[in-house]
Amino acid sequence: VRSGLDGGDWLVPHGDLAGLYRAGLYRSGTDEAPELVATNGLISRTWRLAPNAATVALDNLMTGESLLRGVKPEATISLDGDTRPVGGLIGQVEYGYLRREWLEEMAADPAAFRLRGFDTGPTQAPFSWEGRRGSAAELPWPAPGIRLDLHFSPPPAETNADLGVSVHYELYDGMPLLCTWLTIRNDSGATVRLDTFVNEILAIVDYEACVDEQDHWEHPAIHVESDYAFHGM
């Protein structure tokens, strides 16, 4: 993520700058349109929670840049050949930009998994790790920050009500970095095959679309890494 901070670099904190980057999760919105905002002073992400959970803002606070241009599902999963969105809102016509007032006219997708609740807490270690020679052994593990778990149930018309999907997010202290993953719970007693899944969908403007000879590369506004990259595939 590009930085435009005045008075310091988030990679080299000094003075009071380090305290500005503490991750937090806050309630926002109204009773009719509740929202959650995760921010650490460097980036922020906002979720609308009704009529279904959906990311409605992703902002680079270092540059003042709004990255999101449209509302999408939080994830998609394909179970036994049936692909379903997880969360999200439908009804946005123009995807070149997103206006806040449009959210009031959007609706839940009848085919989507519906938000049934959420949990919050500190970050959790994905695996055991101890510092070794050449690493910063004094750094805490897991990386400190906040966690948000959005829990979804099948839509009302779904016959298998014993399936659940949780989308997990972590925002870390002192870094413009988000981590997301999902878990699927099957309490039906029957075998269900997970064919494919997408655990992050963001409608973000293409930062550079070259149609002529390219003599330089514009740094994109966002960088994505995945443990499903498989050597560049």
C-alpha atoms as a PDB file:
ATOM      1  CA  VAL A   1       0.000   0.000   0.000  1.00  0.00           C
ATOM      2  CA  ARG A   2       1.428   3.366  -0.983  1.00  0.00           C
ATOM      3  CA  SER A   3       2.192   5.741   1.881  1.00  0.00           C
ATOM      4  CA  GLY A   4       1.744   9.494   2.001  1.00  0.00           C
ATOM      5  CA  LEU A   5       2.135  10.065   5.723  1.00  0.00           C
ATOM      6  CA  ASP A   6       3.346  13.476   6.783  1.00  0.00           C
ATOM      7  CA  GLY A   7       6.045  13.539   9.402  1.00  0.00           C
ATOM      8  CA  GLY A   8       7.101   9.927   9.363  1.00  0.00           C
ATOM      9  CA  ASP A   9       7.263   6.510   7.761  1.00  0.00           C
ATOM     10  CA  TRP A  10       5.185   3.666   9.195  1.00  0.00           C
ATOM     11  CA  LEU A  11       8.174   1.359   8.629  1.00  0.00           C
ATOM     12  CA  VAL A  12      10.360   3.525  10.876  1.00  0.00           C
ATOM     13  CA  PRO A  13       8.084   4.785  13.676  1.00  0.00           C
ATOM     14  CA  HIS A  14       9.411   7.444  16.008  1.00  0.00           C
ATOM     15  CA  GLY A  15       8.022   9.546  18.816  1.00  0.00           C
ATOM     16  CA  ASP A  16       4.248   9.320  19.136  1.00  0.00           C
ATOM     17  CA  LEU A  17       3.797   7.808  15.663  1.00  0.00           C
ATOM     18  CA  ALA A  18       3.955   4.245  16.987  1.00  0.00           C
ATOM     19  CA  GLY A  19       0.945   4.822  19.229  1.00  0.00           C
ATOM     20  CA  LEU A  20      -1.137   6.033  16.301  1.00  0.00           C
ATOM     21  CA  TYR A  21      -1.026   2.651  14.610  1.00  0.00           C
ATOM     22  CA  ARG A  22      -2.819   0.538  17.220  1.00  0.00           C
ATOM     23  CA  ALA A  23      -5.531  -1.560  15.566  1.00  0.00           C
ATOM     24  CA  GLY A  24      -9.087  -1.229  16.841  1.00  0.00           C
ATOM     25  CA  LEU A  25     -12.625  -2.269  15.930  1.00  0.00           C
ATOM     26  CA  TYR A  26     -15.463   0.217  16.357  1.00  0.00           C
ATOM     27  CA  ARG A  27     -19.232   0.300  15.949  1.00  0.00           C
ATOM     28  CA  SER A  28     -20.631   2.853  13.523  1.00  0.00           C
ATOM     29  CA  GLY A  29     -23.739   3.518  11.449  1.00  0.00           C
ATOM     30  CA  THR A  30     -27.284   3.531  12.828  1.00  0.00           C
ATOM     31  CA  ASP A  31     -29.679   1.039  14.421  1.00  0.00           C
ATOM     32  CA  GLU A  32     -31.213   0.408  10.992  1.00  0.00           C
ATOM     33  CA  ALA A  33     -27.841   0.246   9.209  1.00  0.00           C
ATOM     34  CA  PRO A  34     -25.225  -0.898  11.748  1.00  0.00           C
ATOM     35  CA  GLU A  35     -21.590  -0.953  10.704  1.00  0.00           C
ATOM     36  CA  LEU A  36     -18.221  -2.107  12.015  1.00  0.00           C
ATOM     37  CA  VAL A  37     -14.996  -0.236  11.267  1.00  0.00           C
ATOM     38  CA  ALA A  38     -11.547  -1.797  11.651  1.00  0.00           C
ATOM     39  CA  THR A  39      -8.692   0.703  11.548  1.00  0.00           C
ATOM     40  CA  ASN A  40      -5.126   1.167  12.733  1.00  0.00           C
ATOM     41  CA  GLY A  41      -4.572   4.722  11.544  1.00  0.00           C
ATOM     42  CA  LEU A  42      -2.960   3.494   8.320  1.00  0.00           C
ATOM     43  CA  ILE A  43      -5.872   1.740   6.623  1.00  0.00           C
ATOM     44  CA  SER A  44      -9.517   1.147   7.482  1.00  0.00           C
ATOM     45  CA  ARG A  45     -12.208  -1.306   6.383  1.00  0.00           C
ATOM     46  CA  THR A  46     -15.928  -0.841   6.974  1.00  0.00           C
ATOM     47  CA  TRP A  47     -18.613  -3.539   6.955  1.00  0.00           C
ATOM     48  CA  ARG A  48     -22.354  -2.873   6.708  1.00  0.00           C
ATOM     49  CA  LEU A  49     -24.126  -5.548   8.774  1.00  0.00           C
ATOM     50  CA  ALA A  50     -27.718  -5.273   7.500  1.00  0.00           C
ATOM     51  CA  PRO A  51     -29.583  -6.500   5.526  1.00  0.00           C
ATOM     52  CA  ASN A  52     -26.462  -8.678   5.100  1.00  0.00           C
ATOM     53  CA  ALA A  53     -22.780  -8.264   5.871  1.00  0.00           C
ATOM     54  CA  ALA A  54     -20.738  -6.558   3.168  1.00  0.00           C
ATOM     55  CA  THR A  55     -17.562  -4.501   2.890  1.00  0.00           C
ATOM     56  CA  VAL A  56     -18.649  -0.973   1.974  1.00  0.00           C
ATOM     57  CA  ALA A  57     -15.371   0.947   2.364  1.00  0.00           C
ATOM     58  CA  LEU A  58     -11.644   0.242   2.169  1.00  0.00           C
ATOM     59  CA  ASP A  59      -9.516   3.342   2.674  1.00  0.00           C
ATOM     60  CA  ASN A  60      -5.818   4.161   2.614  1.00  0.00           C
ATOM     61  CA  LEU A  61      -5.615   6.666   5.468  1.00  0.00           C
ATOM     62  CA  MET A  62      -2.003   7.506   4.608  1.00  0.00           C
ATOM     63  CA  THR A  63      -2.996   9.020   1.278  1.00  0.00           C
ATOM     64  CA  GLY A  64      -6.718   9.661   1.795  1.00  0.00           C
ATOM     65  CA  GLU A  65      -7.457   7.289  -1.082  1.00  0.00           C
ATOM     66  CA  SER A  66     -10.754   5.391  -1.209  1.00  0.00           C
ATOM     67  CA  LEU A  67     -10.026   2.044  -2.860  1.00  0.00           C
ATOM     68  CA  LEU A  68     -13.454   0.414  -3.053  1.00  0.00           C
ATOM     69  CA  ARG A  69     -15.677   1.013  -6.085  1.00  0.00           C
ATOM     70  CA  GLY A  70     -18.426  -1.510  -5.504  1.00  0.00           C
ATOM     71  CA  VAL A  71     -20.060  -3.893  -3.042  1.00  0.00           C
ATOM     72  CA  LYS A  72     -19.381  -7.596  -3.510  1.00  0.00           C
ATOM     73  CA  PRO A  73     -19.913 -10.755  -1.444  1.00  0.00           C
ATOM     74  CA  GLU A  74     -17.441 -11.372   1.350  1.00  0.00           C
ATOM     75  CA  ALA A  75     -16.696 -14.771  -0.198  1.00  0.00           C
ATOM     76  CA  THR A  76     -18.111 -17.389  -2.555  1.00  0.00           C
ATOM     77  CA  ILE A  77     -18.175 -21.147  -2.072  1.00  0.00           C
ATOM     78  CA  SER A  78     -19.128 -24.015  -4.357  1.00  0.00           C
ATOM     79  CA  LEU A  79     -20.563 -27.033  -2.539  1.00  0.00           C
ATOM     80  CA  ASP A  80     -21.478 -30.126  -4.549  1.00  0.00           C
ATOM     81  CA  GLY A  81     -21.533 -28.025  -7.720  1.00  0.00           C
ATOM     82  CA  ASP A  82     -23.731 -25.290  -6.256  1.00  0.00           C
ATOM     83  CA  THR A  83     -21.993 -21.901  -6.063  1.00  0.00           C
ATOM     84  CA  ARG A  84     -23.301 -19.483  -3.454  1.00  0.00           C
ATOM     85  CA  PRO A  85     -22.239 -15.999  -2.356  1.00  0.00           C
ATOM     86  CA  VAL A  86     -21.461 -15.416   1.298  1.00  0.00           C
ATOM     87  CA  GLY A  87     -22.826 -12.074   2.431  1.00  0.00           C
ATOM     88  CA  GLY A  88     -22.797  -9.076   0.115  1.00  0.00           C
ATOM     89  CA  LEU A  89     -25.498  -6.748  -1.170  1.00  0.00           C
ATOM     90  CA  ILE A  90     -27.107  -6.472  -4.594  1.00  0.00           C
ATOM     91  CA  GLY A  91     -28.634  -3.553  -6.457  1.00  0.00           C
ATOM     92  CA  GLN A  92     -25.598  -1.425  -7.330  1.00  0.00           C
ATOM     93  CA  VAL A  93     -25.853  -0.398 -10.988  1.00  0.00           C
ATOM     94  CA  GLU A  94     -22.751   1.768 -11.457  1.00  0.00           C
ATOM     95  CA  TYR A  95     -19.472   0.087 -10.496  1.00  0.00           C
ATOM     96  CA  GLY A  96     -17.157   2.927 -11.496  1.00  0.00           C
ATOM     97  CA  TYR A  97     -17.655   4.460  -8.065  1.00  0.00           C
ATOM     98  CA  LEU A  98     -19.663   3.943  -4.885  1.00  0.00           C
ATOM     99  CA  ARG A  99     -21.807   6.536  -3.120  1.00  0.00           C
ATOM    100  CA  ARG A 100     -22.817   6.000   0.494  1.00  0.00           C
ATOM    101  CA  GLU A 101     -26.452   6.859  -0.141  1.00  0.00           C
ATOM    102  CA  TRP A 102     -26.733   3.978  -2.607  1.00  0.00           C
ATOM    103  CA  LEU A 103     -26.288   1.513   0.250  1.00  0.00           C
ATOM    104  CA  GLU A 104     -29.744   2.345   1.573  1.00  0.00           C
ATOM    105  CA  GLU A 105     -31.290   1.027  -1.662  1.00  0.00           C
ATOM    106  CA  MET A 106     -29.313  -2.219  -1.779  1.00  0.00           C
ATOM    107  CA  ALA A 107     -30.758  -5.547  -0.684  1.00  0.00           C
ATOM    108  CA  ALA A 108     -29.575  -8.943   0.465  1.00  0.00           C
ATOM    109  CA  ASP A 109     -29.139 -11.559  -2.245  1.00  0.00           C
ATOM    110  CA  PRO A 110     -31.821 -14.246  -1.645  1.00  0.00           C
ATOM    111  CA  ALA A 111     -29.297 -16.930  -2.660  1.00  0.00           C
ATOM    112  CA  ALA A 112     -26.538 -15.738  -0.331  1.00  0.00           C
ATOM    113  CA  PHE A 113     -25.493 -17.023   3.055  1.00  0.00           C
ATOM    114  CA  ARG A 114     -26.866 -14.599   5.666  1.00  0.00           C
ATOM    115  CA  LEU A 115     -25.019 -13.007   8.566  1.00  0.00           C
ATOM    116  CA  ARG A 116     -26.125 -14.534  11.880  1.00  0.00           C
ATOM    117  CA  GLY A 117     -23.571 -12.932  14.192  1.00  0.00           C
ATOM    118  CA  PHE A 118     -19.965 -11.956  14.741  1.00  0.00           C
ATOM    119  CA  ASP A 119     -17.153 -12.354  17.253  1.00  0.00           C
ATOM    120  CA  THR A 120     -14.197 -10.102  17.966  1.00  0.00           C
ATOM    121  CA  GLY A 121     -10.945 -10.452  19.851  1.00  0.00           C
ATOM    122  CA  PRO A 122      -7.173 -10.310  19.543  1.00  0.00           C
ATOM    123  CA  THR A 123      -5.251 -11.968  16.729  1.00  0.00           C
ATOM    124  CA  GLN A 124      -4.631 -15.705  16.984  1.00  0.00           C
ATOM    125  CA  ALA A 125      -1.469 -17.584  16.055  1.00  0.00           C
ATOM    126  CA  PRO A 126      -2.092 -19.696  12.921  1.00  0.00           C
ATOM    127  CA  PHE A 127       0.750 -22.006  13.972  1.00  0.00           C
ATOM    128  CA  SER A 128       3.414 -22.306  16.648  1.00  0.00           C
ATOM    129  CA  TRP A 129       6.543 -20.240  15.998  1.00  0.00           C
ATOM    130  CA  GLU A 130       9.636 -19.299  17.965  1.00  0.00           C
ATOM    131  CA  GLY A 131      12.287 -16.848  16.849  1.00  0.00           C
ATOM    132  CA  ARG A 132      15.493 -18.369  15.534  1.00  0.00           C
ATOM    133  CA  ARG A 133      18.896 -17.029  14.595  1.00  0.00           C
ATOM    134  CA  GLY A 134      18.509 -14.302  12.009  1.00  0.00           C
ATOM    135  CA  SER A 135      14.961 -13.444  13.099  1.00  0.00           C
ATOM    136  CA  ALA A 136      13.681 -10.850  15.528  1.00  0.00           C
ATOM    137  CA  ALA A 137      13.152 -13.170  18.485  1.00  0.00           C
ATOM    138  CA  GLU A 138      11.885 -10.361  20.708  1.00  0.00           C
ATOM    139  CA  LEU A 139       8.865  -9.655  18.513  1.00  0.00           C
ATOM    140  CA  PRO A 140       5.507 -10.905  19.835  1.00  0.00           C
ATOM    141  CA  TRP A 141       3.728 -13.866  18.263  1.00  0.00           C
ATOM    142  CA  PRO A 142       1.097 -13.737  16.963  1.00  0.00           C
ATOM    143  CA  ALA A 143       1.498 -10.275  15.499  1.00  0.00           C
ATOM    144  CA  PRO A 144      -0.631  -8.023  17.744  1.00  0.00           C
ATOM    145  CA  GLY A 145      -3.854  -6.590  16.395  1.00  0.00           C
ATOM    146  CA  ILE A 146      -7.578  -7.296  16.242  1.00  0.00           C
ATOM    147  CA  ARG A 147      -9.688 -10.124  14.796  1.00  0.00           C
ATOM    148  CA  LEU A 148     -13.221 -10.086  13.408  1.00  0.00           C
ATOM    149  CA  ASP A 149     -15.168 -13.272  12.644  1.00  0.00           C
ATOM    150  CA  LEU A 150     -18.363 -12.934  10.598  1.00  0.00           C
ATOM    151  CA  HIS A 151     -20.606 -16.001  10.904  1.00  0.00           C
ATOM    152  CA  PHE A 152     -23.059 -16.881   8.127  1.00  0.00           C
ATOM    153  CA  SER A 153     -25.909 -19.370   7.801  1.00  0.00           C
ATOM    154  CA  PRO A 154     -27.564 -20.688   4.628  1.00  0.00           C
ATOM    155  CA  PRO A 155     -30.443 -18.630   3.205  1.00  0.00           C
ATOM    156  CA  PRO A 156     -33.919 -19.428   4.575  1.00  0.00           C
ATOM    157  CA  ALA A 157     -34.876 -21.467   1.509  1.00  0.00           C
ATOM    158  CA  GLU A 158     -31.816 -23.730   1.868  1.00  0.00           C
ATOM    159  CA  THR A 159     -32.677 -27.297   2.866  1.00  0.00           C
ATOM    160  CA  ASN A 160     -29.328 -27.932   4.564  1.00  0.00           C
ATOM    161  CA  ALA A 161     -29.469 -25.584   7.532  1.00  0.00           C
ATOM    162  CA  ASP A 162     -26.600 -27.358   9.302  1.00  0.00           C
ATOM    163  CA  LEU A 163     -23.893 -25.712   7.203  1.00  0.00           C
ATOM    164  CA  GLY A 164     -22.128 -22.616   8.434  1.00  0.00           C
ATOM    165  CA  VAL A 165     -19.481 -20.341   6.944  1.00  0.00           C
ATOM    166  CA  SER A 166     -17.261 -17.985   8.918  1.00  0.00           C
ATOM    167  CA  VAL A 167     -15.115 -15.322   7.267  1.00  0.00           C
ATOM    168  CA  HIS A 168     -12.204 -14.206   9.426  1.00  0.00           C
ATOM    169  CA  TYR A 169     -10.272 -10.940   9.277  1.00  0.00           C
ATOM    170  CA  GLU A 170      -7.210  -9.707  11.134  1.00  0.00           C
ATOM    171  CA  LEU A 171      -5.817  -6.168  11.160  1.00  0.00           C
ATOM    172  CA  TYR A 172      -2.385  -5.708  12.687  1.00  0.00           C
ATOM    173  CA  ASP A 173      -0.759  -2.997  14.755  1.00  0.00           C
ATOM    174  CA  GLY A 174       1.730  -0.802  12.946  1.00  0.00           C
ATOM    175  CA  MET A 175       1.207  -2.225   9.432  1.00  0.00           C
ATOM    176  CA  PRO A 176      -1.208  -1.434   6.570  1.00  0.00           C
ATOM    177  CA  LEU A 177      -1.962  -5.150   6.381  1.00  0.00           C
ATOM    178  CA  LEU A 178      -5.147  -7.229   6.478  1.00  0.00           C
ATOM    179  CA  CYS A 179      -5.391 -11.016   6.560  1.00  0.00           C
ATOM    180  CA  THR A 180      -8.550 -12.914   5.589  1.00  0.00           C
ATOM    181  CA  TRP A 181      -9.532 -16.574   5.499  1.00  0.00           C
ATOM    182  CA  LEU A 182     -12.678 -18.667   5.834  1.00  0.00           C
ATOM    183  CA  THR A 183     -13.858 -21.793   7.595  1.00  0.00           C
ATOM    184  CA  ILE A 184     -16.813 -24.028   6.738  1.00  0.00           C
ATOM    185  CA  ARG A 185     -18.660 -26.072   9.361  1.00  0.00           C
ATOM    186  CA  ASN A 186     -20.779 -29.081   8.437  1.00  0.00           C
ATOM    187  CA  ASP A 187     -22.991 -30.407  11.234  1.00  0.00           C
ATOM    188  CA  SER A 188     -25.394 -32.242   8.928  1.00  0.00           C
ATOM    189  CA  GLY A 189     -23.827 -35.684   9.260  1.00  0.00           C
ATOM    190  CA  ALA A 190     -23.775 -35.958   5.452  1.00  0.00           C
ATOM    191  CA  THR A 191     -20.722 -35.639   3.223  1.00  0.00           C
ATOM    192  CA  VAL A 192     -20.446 -32.314   1.407  1.00  0.00           C
ATOM    193  CA  ARG A 193     -17.790 -31.645  -1.225  1.00  0.00           C
ATOM    194  CA  LEU A 194     -16.139 -28.230  -1.358  1.00  0.00           C
ATOM    195  CA  ASP A 195     -15.377 -27.703  -5.051  1.00  0.00           C
ATOM    196  CA  THR A 196     -13.960 -24.169  -5.043  1.00  0.00           C
ATOM    197  CA  PHE A 197     -13.945 -21.070  -2.885  1.00  0.00           C
ATOM    198  CA  VAL A 198     -12.968 -17.412  -3.061  1.00  0.00           C
ATOM    199  CA  ASN A 199     -12.324 -15.845   0.327  1.00  0.00           C
ATOM    200  CA  GLU A 200     -11.733 -12.218  -0.718  1.00  0.00           C
ATOM    201  CA  ILE A 201     -13.625 -10.241  -3.384  1.00  0.00           C
ATOM    202  CA  LEU A 202     -12.942  -6.513  -3.685  1.00  0.00           C
ATOM    203  CA  ALA A 203     -14.270  -4.280  -6.465  1.00  0.00           C
ATOM    204  CA  ILE A 204     -11.276  -1.958  -6.829  1.00  0.00           C
ATOM    205  CA  VAL A 205     -10.456   0.239  -9.796  1.00  0.00           C
ATOM    206  CA  ASP A 206      -7.698  -1.038 -12.087  1.00  0.00           C
ATOM    207  CA  TYR A 207      -4.817   1.260 -11.173  1.00  0.00           C
ATOM    208  CA  GLU A 208      -3.131   0.947 -14.556  1.00  0.00           C
ATOM    209  CA  ALA A 209      -4.472  -0.291 -17.896  1.00  0.00           C
ATOM    210  CA  CYS A 210      -1.813   0.083 -20.593  1.00  0.00           C
ATOM    211  CA  VAL A 211      -2.924   0.219 -24.217  1.00  0.00           C
ATOM    212  CA  ASP A 212       0.272   1.733 -25.636  1.00  0.00           C
ATOM    213  CA  GLU A 213       3.936   0.873 -25.251  1.00  0.00           C
ATOM    214  CA  GLN A 214       4.809   0.778 -21.566  1.00  0.00           C
ATOM    215  CA  ASP A 215       7.975   2.594 -20.489  1.00  0.00           C
ATOM    216  CA  HIS A 216       7.414   2.381 -16.727  1.00  0.00           C
ATOM    217  CA  TRP A 217       5.304   0.607 -14.124  1.00  0.00           C
ATOM    218  CA  GLU A 218       2.903   2.436 -11.845  1.00  0.00           C
ATOM    219  CA  HIS A 219       2.920   1.025  -8.336  1.00  0.00           C
ATOM    220  CA  PRO A 220      -0.552  -0.399  -7.644  1.00  0.00           C
ATOM    221  CA  ALA A 221      -2.621   0.887  -4.745  1.00  0.00           C
ATOM    222  CA  ILE A 222      -2.888  -2.568  -3.173  1.00  0.00           C
ATOM    223  CA  HIS A 223      -0.785  -5.733  -3.032  1.00  0.00           C
ATOM    224  CA  VAL A 224      -2.238  -9.212  -2.500  1.00  0.00           C
ATOM    225  CA  GLU A 225      -0.493 -12.408  -1.430  1.00  0.00           C
ATOM    226  CA  SER A 226      -2.028 -15.853  -1.011  1.00  0.00           C
ATOM    227  CA  ASP A 227      -0.853 -19.197   0.325  1.00  0.00           C
ATOM    228  CA  TYR A 228      -2.705 -20.646  -2.675  1.00  0.00           C
ATOM    229  CA  ALA A 229      -0.365 -18.939  -5.177  1.00  0.00           C
ATOM    230  CA  PHE A 230       1.508 -22.204  -5.927  1.00  0.00           C
ATOM    231  CA  HIS A 231       4.664 -20.773  -7.485  1.00  0.00           C
ATOM    232  CA  GLY A 232       3.026 -18.040  -9.525  1.00  0.00           C
ATOM    233  CA  MET A 233      -0.028 -19.906 -10.821  1.00  0.00           C
END
